[in-house]
Structures are given as C-alpha cells and as structure tokens.
C-alpha atoms as a PDB file:
ATOM      1  CA  UNK A   1      -0.288 -53.028 -56.032  1.00  0.00           C
ATOM      2  CA  UNK A   2       1.032 -53.062 -59.855  1.00  0.00           C
ATOM      3  CA  UNK A   3       4.744 -54.709 -60.376  1.00  0.00           C
ATOM      4  CA  UNK A   4       5.897 -51.511 -61.182  1.00  0.00           C
ATOM      5  CA  UNK A   5       4.362 -49.634 -58.151  1.00  0.00           C
ATOM      6  CA  UNK A   6       6.438 -52.690 -56.327  1.00  0.00           C
ATOM      7  CA  UNK A   7       9.294 -52.092 -58.004  1.00  0.00           C
ATOM      8  CA  UNK A   8       9.622 -48.763 -57.140  1.00  0.00           C
ATOM      9  CA  UNK A   9       8.969 -49.197 -53.320  1.00  0.00           C
ATOM     10  CA  UNK A  10      11.893 -52.040 -53.114  1.00  0.00           C
ATOM     11  CA  UNK A  11      14.156 -49.131 -54.756  1.00  0.00           C
ATOM     12  CA  UNK A  12      13.282 -46.751 -52.330  1.00  0.00           C
ATOM     13  CA  UNK A  13      13.384 -48.826 -49.442  1.00  0.00           C
ATOM     14  CA  UNK A  14      16.919 -50.165 -50.373  1.00  0.00           C
ATOM     15  CA  UNK A  15      17.861 -46.517 -51.079  1.00  0.00           C
ATOM     16  CA  UNK A  16      16.593 -45.205 -47.806  1.00  0.00           C
ATOM     17  CA  UNK A  17      17.873 -48.068 -46.165  1.00  0.00           C
ATOM     18  CA  UNK A  18      21.305 -48.616 -47.189  1.00  0.00           C
ATOM     19  CA  UNK A  19      22.234 -45.394 -46.768  1.00  0.00           C
ATOM     20  CA  UNK A  20      23.640 -43.496 -43.559  1.00  0.00           C
ATOM     21  CA  UNK A  21      21.301 -42.622 -40.928  1.00  0.00           C
ATOM     22  CA  UNK A  22      20.811 -43.270 -37.408  1.00  0.00           C
ATOM     23  CA  UNK A  23      20.205 -46.325 -37.368  1.00  0.00           C
ATOM     24  CA  UNK A  24      22.716 -47.517 -39.787  1.00  0.00           C
ATOM     25  CA  UNK A  25      25.607 -45.516 -37.861  1.00  0.00           C
ATOM     26  CA  UNK A  26      24.082 -47.065 -34.945  1.00  0.00           C
ATOM     27  CA  UNK A  27      24.958 -50.330 -35.799  1.00  0.00           C
ATOM     28  CA  UNK A  28      28.108 -49.633 -37.142  1.00  0.00           C
ATOM     29  CA  UNK A  29      29.011 -48.869 -33.752  1.00  0.00           C
ATOM     30  CA  UNK A  30      27.539 -51.498 -32.117  1.00  0.00           C
ATOM     31  CA  UNK A  31      28.938 -54.321 -35.036  1.00  0.00           C
ATOM     32  CA  UNK A  32      32.482 -52.683 -34.147  1.00  0.00           C
ATOM     33  CA  UNK A  33      31.869 -52.555 -30.010  1.00  0.00           C
ATOM     34  CA  UNK A  34      29.709 -55.943 -29.345  1.00  0.00           C
ATOM     35  CA  UNK A  35      30.058 -57.953 -32.798  1.00  0.00           C
ATOM     36  CA  UNK A  36      27.438 -59.215 -35.098  1.00  0.00           C
ATOM     37  CA  UNK A  37      25.424 -62.061 -32.950  1.00  0.00           C
ATOM     38  CA  UNK A  38      24.819 -59.524 -30.004  1.00  0.00           C
ATOM     39  CA  UNK A  39      23.569 -56.896 -32.604  1.00  0.00           C
ATOM     40  CA  UNK A  40      20.984 -59.157 -34.134  1.00  0.00           C
ATOM     41  CA  UNK A  41      18.009 -58.334 -31.727  1.00  0.00           C
ATOM     42  CA  UNK A  42      19.414 -54.664 -32.741  1.00  0.00           C
ATOM     43  CA  UNK A  43      18.697 -55.059 -36.284  1.00  0.00           C
ATOM     44  CA  UNK A  44      15.617 -56.925 -35.669  1.00  0.00           C
ATOM     45  CA  UNK A  45      14.045 -54.327 -33.688  1.00  0.00           C
ATOM     46  CA  UNK A  46      14.749 -51.801 -36.215  1.00  0.00           C
ATOM     47  CA  UNK A  47      13.094 -53.656 -39.242  1.00  0.00           C
ATOM     48  CA  UNK A  48      10.173 -54.454 -37.174  1.00  0.00           C
ATOM     49  CA  UNK A  49       9.760 -51.768 -35.424  1.00  0.00           C
ATOM     50  CA  UNK A  50      10.015 -49.412 -38.472  1.00  0.00           C
ATOM     51  CA  UNK A  51       7.351 -51.658 -40.225  1.00  0.00           C
ATOM     52  CA  UNK A  52       4.782 -51.199 -37.144  1.00  0.00           C
ATOM     53  CA  UNK A  53       5.707 -47.358 -38.218  1.00  0.00           C
ATOM     54  CA  UNK A  54       5.211 -47.301 -41.605  1.00  0.00           C
ATOM     55  CA  UNK A  55       1.587 -49.213 -40.816  1.00  0.00           C
ATOM     56  CA  UNK A  56       0.627 -46.944 -38.595  1.00  0.00           C
ATOM     57  CA  UNK A  57       1.601 -43.591 -40.409  1.00  0.00           C
ATOM     58  CA  UNK A  58      -0.366 -45.238 -43.486  1.00  0.00           C
ATOM     59  CA  UNK A  59      -3.442 -46.363 -40.903  1.00  0.00           C
ATOM     60  CA  UNK A  60      -4.151 -42.658 -39.901  1.00  0.00           C
ATOM     61  CA  UNK A  61      -0.835 -40.926 -38.200  1.00  0.00           C
ATOM     62  CA  UNK A  62      -0.416 -38.787 -41.270  1.00  0.00           C
ATOM     63  CA  UNK A  63      -3.763 -37.287 -40.711  1.00  0.00           C
ATOM     64  CA  UNK A  64      -3.303 -36.576 -37.274  1.00  0.00           C
ATOM     65  CA  UNK A  65       0.204 -34.534 -38.480  1.00  0.00           C
ATOM     66  CA  UNK A  66      -1.907 -32.529 -40.909  1.00  0.00           C
ATOM     67  CA  UNK A  67      -4.808 -31.459 -38.233  1.00  0.00           C
ATOM     68  CA  UNK A  68      -1.780 -31.102 -35.753  1.00  0.00           C
ATOM     69  CA  UNK A  69       1.058 -29.074 -37.749  1.00  0.00           C
ATOM     70  CA  UNK A  70       2.880 -28.052 -33.938  1.00  0.00           C
ATOM     71  CA  UNK A  71       2.876 -32.187 -33.114  1.00  0.00           C
ATOM     72  CA  UNK A  72       5.426 -32.670 -35.875  1.00  0.00           C
ATOM     73  CA  UNK A  73       7.423 -30.162 -34.947  1.00  0.00           C
ATOM     74  CA  UNK A  74       7.328 -30.841 -30.891  1.00  0.00           C
ATOM     75  CA  UNK A  75       8.701 -34.384 -32.136  1.00  0.00           C
ATOM     76  CA  UNK A  76      11.149 -33.343 -34.361  1.00  0.00           C
ATOM     77  CA  UNK A  77      12.761 -31.248 -31.224  1.00  0.00           C
ATOM     78  CA  UNK A  78      11.900 -34.656 -28.908  1.00  0.00           C
ATOM     79  CA  UNK A  79      13.827 -36.845 -31.884  1.00  0.00           C
ATOM     80  CA  UNK A  80      16.940 -34.199 -32.090  1.00  0.00           C
ATOM     81  CA  UNK A  81      17.233 -34.438 -27.739  1.00  0.00           C
ATOM     82  CA  UNK A  82      17.029 -38.083 -28.155  1.00  0.00           C
ATOM     83  CA  UNK A  83      19.837 -38.404 -30.688  1.00  0.00           C
ATOM     84  CA  UNK A  84      22.134 -36.022 -29.330  1.00  0.00           C
ATOM     85  CA  UNK A  85      21.943 -38.240 -25.834  1.00  0.00           C
ATOM     86  CA  UNK A  86      22.725 -41.013 -28.038  1.00  0.00           C
ATOM     87  CA  UNK A  87      25.564 -39.470 -29.502  1.00  0.00           C
ATOM     88  CA  UNK A  88      26.956 -38.257 -25.997  1.00  0.00           C
ATOM     89  CA  UNK A  89      26.835 -42.121 -25.020  1.00  0.00           C
ATOM     90  CA  UNK A  90      28.431 -43.451 -28.331  1.00  0.00           C
ATOM     91  CA  UNK A  91      31.508 -40.741 -27.701  1.00  0.00           C
ATOM     92  CA  UNK A  92      31.761 -41.635 -24.303  1.00  0.00           C
ATOM     93  CA  UNK A  93      31.587 -45.672 -24.601  1.00  0.00           C
ATOM     94  CA  UNK A  94      34.736 -47.528 -22.882  1.00  0.00           C
ATOM     95  CA  UNK A  95      36.351 -50.176 -24.610  1.00  0.00           C
ATOM     96  CA  UNK A  96      35.452 -53.437 -24.248  1.00  0.00           C
ATOM     97  CA  UNK A  97      37.942 -54.655 -21.930  1.00  0.00           C
ATOM     98  CA  UNK A  98      36.881 -51.427 -20.215  1.00  0.00           C
ATOM     99  CA  UNK A  99      33.555 -51.232 -20.467  1.00  0.00           C
ATOM    100  CA  UNK A 100      31.440 -51.851 -17.170  1.00  0.00           C
ATOM    101  CA  UNK A 101      29.851 -55.405 -16.637  1.00  0.00           C
ATOM    102  CA  UNK A 102      26.129 -53.926 -17.774  1.00  0.00           C
ATOM    103  CA  UNK A 103      27.562 -52.692 -20.805  1.00  0.00           C
ATOM    104  CA  UNK A 104      25.123 -54.142 -23.832  1.00  0.00           C
ATOM    105  CA  UNK A 105      24.120 -53.228 -27.301  1.00  0.00           C
ATOM    106  CA  UNK A 106      20.689 -52.335 -27.988  1.00  0.00           C
ATOM    107  CA  UNK A 107      18.009 -54.822 -27.170  1.00  0.00           C
ATOM    108  CA  UNK A 108      15.077 -55.619 -29.575  1.00  0.00           C
ATOM    109  CA  UNK A 109      12.271 -53.537 -27.800  1.00  0.00           C
ATOM    110  CA  UNK A 110      14.735 -50.590 -27.519  1.00  0.00           C
ATOM    111  CA  UNK A 111      15.570 -50.526 -31.010  1.00  0.00           C
ATOM    112  CA  UNK A 112      12.002 -50.698 -32.040  1.00  0.00           C
ATOM    113  CA  UNK A 113      11.350 -48.033 -29.747  1.00  0.00           C
ATOM    114  CA  UNK A 114      14.089 -45.420 -31.349  1.00  0.00           C
ATOM    115  CA  UNK A 115      12.416 -45.606 -34.722  1.00  0.00           C
ATOM    116  CA  UNK A 116       9.469 -43.293 -32.916  1.00  0.00           C
ATOM    117  CA  UNK A 117      12.540 -40.694 -32.225  1.00  0.00           C
ATOM    118  CA  UNK A 118      14.396 -41.305 -35.626  1.00  0.00           C
ATOM    119  CA  UNK A 119      13.467 -38.410 -38.033  1.00  0.00           C
ATOM    120  CA  UNK A 120      15.069 -39.984 -40.647  1.00  0.00           C
ATOM    121  CA  UNK A 121      12.632 -43.182 -40.026  1.00  0.00           C
ATOM    122  CA  UNK A 122       9.720 -40.442 -39.927  1.00  0.00           C
ATOM    123  CA  UNK A 123      10.282 -39.222 -43.254  1.00  0.00           C
ATOM    124  CA  UNK A 124      11.099 -42.878 -45.119  1.00  0.00           C
ATOM    125  CA  UNK A 125       7.462 -44.109 -43.320  1.00  0.00           C
ATOM    126  CA  UNK A 126       6.052 -41.086 -44.839  1.00  0.00           C
ATOM    127  CA  UNK A 127       7.117 -40.991 -47.957  1.00  0.00           C
ATOM    128  CA  UNK A 128       6.586 -44.688 -48.452  1.00  0.00           C
ATOM    129  CA  UNK A 129       2.941 -44.238 -47.539  1.00  0.00           C
ATOM    130  CA  UNK A 130       2.126 -40.680 -49.456  1.00  0.00           C
ATOM    131  CA  UNK A 131       3.868 -42.428 -53.009  1.00  0.00           C
ATOM    132  CA  UNK A 132       3.512 -46.011 -52.759  1.00  0.00           C
ATOM    133  CA  UNK A 133      -0.102 -46.897 -50.684  1.00  0.00           C
ATOM    134  CA  UNK A 134      -2.231 -48.159 -53.769  1.00  0.00           C
ATOM    135  CA  UNK A 135      -4.975 -45.318 -53.797  1.00  0.00           C
ATOM    136  CA  UNK A 136      -8.240 -46.786 -52.000  1.00  0.00           C
ATOM    137  CA  UNK A 137      -6.291 -49.607 -50.449  1.00  0.00           C
ATOM    138  CA  UNK A 138      -7.019 -48.284 -46.918  1.00  0.00           C
ATOM    139  CA  UNK A 139      -5.208 -50.527 -44.379  1.00  0.00           C
ATOM    140  CA  UNK A 140      -4.439 -53.592 -46.520  1.00  0.00           C
ATOM    141  CA  UNK A 141      -2.279 -50.875 -48.936  1.00  0.00           C
ATOM    142  CA  UNK A 142      -0.788 -49.302 -45.462  1.00  0.00           C
ATOM    143  CA  UNK A 143      -0.070 -52.993 -44.172  1.00  0.00           C
ATOM    144  CA  UNK A 144       1.699 -54.150 -47.870  1.00  0.00           C
ATOM    145  CA  UNK A 145       3.883 -51.198 -48.231  1.00  0.00           C
ATOM    146  CA  UNK A 146       5.249 -52.087 -44.290  1.00  0.00           C
ATOM    147  CA  UNK A 147       5.404 -55.746 -45.871  1.00  0.00           C
ATOM    148  CA  UNK A 148       7.828 -54.930 -48.367  1.00  0.00           C
ATOM    149  CA  UNK A 149       9.599 -52.518 -46.724  1.00  0.00           C
ATOM    150  CA  UNK A 150      10.263 -54.633 -43.649  1.00  0.00           C
ATOM    151  CA  UNK A 151      11.392 -57.453 -46.242  1.00  0.00           C
ATOM    152  CA  UNK A 152      14.204 -54.637 -47.840  1.00  0.00           C
ATOM    153  CA  UNK A 153      15.107 -52.884 -44.691  1.00  0.00           C
ATOM    154  CA  UNK A 154      16.237 -55.676 -42.761  1.00  0.00           C
ATOM    155  CA  UNK A 155      19.203 -57.054 -45.137  1.00  0.00           C
ATOM    156  CA  UNK A 156      20.393 -53.213 -45.358  1.00  0.00           C
ATOM    157  CA  UNK A 157      20.573 -52.428 -42.108  1.00  0.00           C
ATOM    158  CA  UNK A 158      22.531 -55.569 -41.349  1.00  0.00           C
ATOM    159  CA  UNK A 159      24.957 -55.040 -43.755  1.00  0.00           C
ATOM    160  CA  UNK A 160      25.985 -51.732 -41.465  1.00  0.00           C
ATOM    161  CA  UNK A 161      26.487 -53.914 -38.508  1.00  0.00           C
ATOM    162  CA  UNK A 162      28.374 -56.901 -40.786  1.00  0.00           C
ATOM    163  CA  UNK A 163      30.686 -53.606 -41.807  1.00  0.00           C
ATOM    164  CA  UNK A 164      30.947 -52.407 -37.960  1.00  0.00           C
ATOM    165  CA  UNK A 165      32.023 -56.312 -36.840  1.00  0.00           C
ATOM    166  CA  UNK A 166      35.072 -56.611 -39.619  1.00  0.00           C
ATOM    167  CA  UNK A 167      36.417 -53.305 -38.055  1.00  0.00           C
ATOM    168  CA  UNK A 168      37.019 -54.822 -34.846  1.00  0.00           C
ATOM    169  CA  UNK A 169      40.470 -55.984 -35.595  1.00  0.00           C
ATOM    170  CA  UNK A 170      41.489 -52.887 -36.424  1.00  0.00           C
ATOM    171  CA  UNK A 171      39.908 -51.221 -33.531  1.00  0.00           C
ATOM    172  CA  UNK A 172      41.715 -53.405 -30.957  1.00  0.00           C
ATOM    173  CA  UNK A 173      43.905 -50.355 -29.952  1.00  0.00           C
ATOM    174  CA  UNK A 174      42.161 -48.131 -27.394  1.00  0.00           C
ATOM    175  CA  UNK A 175      43.189 -44.951 -29.839  1.00  0.00           C
ATOM    176  CA  UNK A 176      41.448 -45.764 -32.609  1.00  0.00           C
ATOM    177  CA  UNK A 177      38.037 -47.492 -30.785  1.00  0.00           C
ATOM    178  CA  UNK A 178      37.709 -43.755 -29.043  1.00  0.00           C
ATOM    179  CA  UNK A 179      38.575 -42.042 -32.370  1.00  0.00           C
ATOM    180  CA  UNK A 180      35.788 -44.387 -34.403  1.00  0.00           C
ATOM    181  CA  UNK A 181      33.278 -43.925 -31.602  1.00  0.00           C
ATOM    182  CA  UNK A 182      33.673 -40.169 -31.483  1.00  0.00           C
ATOM    183  CA  UNK A 183      33.569 -40.048 -35.354  1.00  0.00           C
ATOM    184  CA  UNK A 184      30.563 -42.219 -35.209  1.00  0.00           C
ATOM    185  CA  UNK A 185      28.895 -39.394 -32.667  1.00  0.00           C
ATOM    186  CA  UNK A 186      29.758 -36.578 -34.711  1.00  0.00           C
ATOM    187  CA  UNK A 187      28.066 -38.777 -37.663  1.00  0.00           C
ATOM    188  CA  UNK A 188      25.159 -39.109 -35.588  1.00  0.00           C
ATOM    189  CA  UNK A 189      24.776 -35.263 -34.748  1.00  0.00           C
ATOM    190  CA  UNK A 190      25.030 -34.453 -38.625  1.00  0.00           C
ATOM    191  CA  UNK A 191      22.123 -36.764 -39.118  1.00  0.00           C
ATOM    192  CA  UNK A 192      20.003 -34.272 -37.710  1.00  0.00           C
ATOM    193  CA  UNK A 193      21.203 -31.399 -40.396  1.00  0.00           C
ATOM    194  CA  UNK A 194      18.430 -32.316 -42.828  1.00  0.00           C
ATOM    195  CA  UNK A 195      15.917 -32.472 -39.990  1.00  0.00           C
ATOM    196  CA  UNK A 196      16.885 -28.969 -38.710  1.00  0.00           C
ATOM    197  CA  UNK A 197      16.517 -27.586 -42.072  1.00  0.00           C
ATOM    198  CA  UNK A 198      12.796 -28.879 -42.735  1.00  0.00           C
ATOM    199  CA  UNK A 199      11.281 -27.241 -39.371  1.00  0.00           C
ATOM    200  CA  UNK A 200      13.321 -23.821 -40.818  1.00  0.00           C
ATOM    201  CA  UNK A 201      11.071 -24.007 -43.625  1.00  0.00           C
END
C-alpha cells in the first residue's frame, strides 16, 4: 500500500469509527451504566471482531453478496430486528443499584459477534475493502486493510466508553439515568435509518 492510500484509509477509519453508530451508542451506555473497566472487553470485542469482519469481506464475502443479492437484504433485516431488541433492552435497563445481580456489559465474544448484525460495521468493512485494498494484493491486501482499521478503531471507540463514564455522576439520579437510557435506545433505532433507505433503493 502506498503512503497516500494508507493515509486515506486511516482518515476513513477514524471518521467512520468516531462518529455515532450502534457500537458507539452502546459503548456510551455501557460506560455510563457499568464504568470503563468493565466495558474494556466490549471495546476489544468491537475492534478485533470488526477486524475479522473486514478481513473476511476482503477475502471473499463481497463476491458472495454479488452472487446472491437476496442474502444482503436478508442480513439487513436480521440486523434491524436485533438492533430493535437491543434498543428495548437499553431503554428498560435498571439503575445499577436496582439491576439484577446477573446484569453485565457485553463480553468480548458478544461484542465481536455483534459486528455481524451491525449494519454500519458492514458498510465500513465493504467500503474499506472496495476502496483501499491494493489491486492484486489478494489476501495480504485484505489483511493489511483490516489491521490498519483495527489500530484506528480501538482508540476511537474508547472515546465513547470514556465519555459514558464521565456521565456517571450526573446520571446518579434514577430519573436522569432512565432518560439517558431511553435516549440511547432511540438513537440506536435512528441508526437504522440509513440502512432502511438503502434497502428501499
């Protein structure tokens, strides 16, 4: 990869990783509800899970979507259903003092698996491999794109979890925490809009 191509990829990875989306909205909520330390596995799961997705997209999944157009639509419908379920869970999360003893943030594996039902993650992976993988690079190019993306993605998503922890004191009041969680749930639902527009087109 040329320096110019790497720089362009880094800028795209940063812009797409730092802007609001399902991952960042959930990290903000997790930081506020569970704190930064307990959210670390969630952050690592996002960064490494998405890197695996980017790699596999570059190694052949794009060809599969081109051969089977219906598969992409089915995937987006599954994504929407799961995000609506998560929004409901966030909106109805109990304050820490009242939360069930088994309440916990996403684990590493849950966060990694979530990338496969995250429409923004799919867009980021497909766009990165389509526009930044060097021609003729094959697997080496696909892995290079994934590695660079992961290095930019982790510090970007950490910002959102850290921001959530800074809100914890202000959210000590149950009413404020409830309003915050409902707002996060609504933002998660709103993040589906670009995907639904794409399916209509």
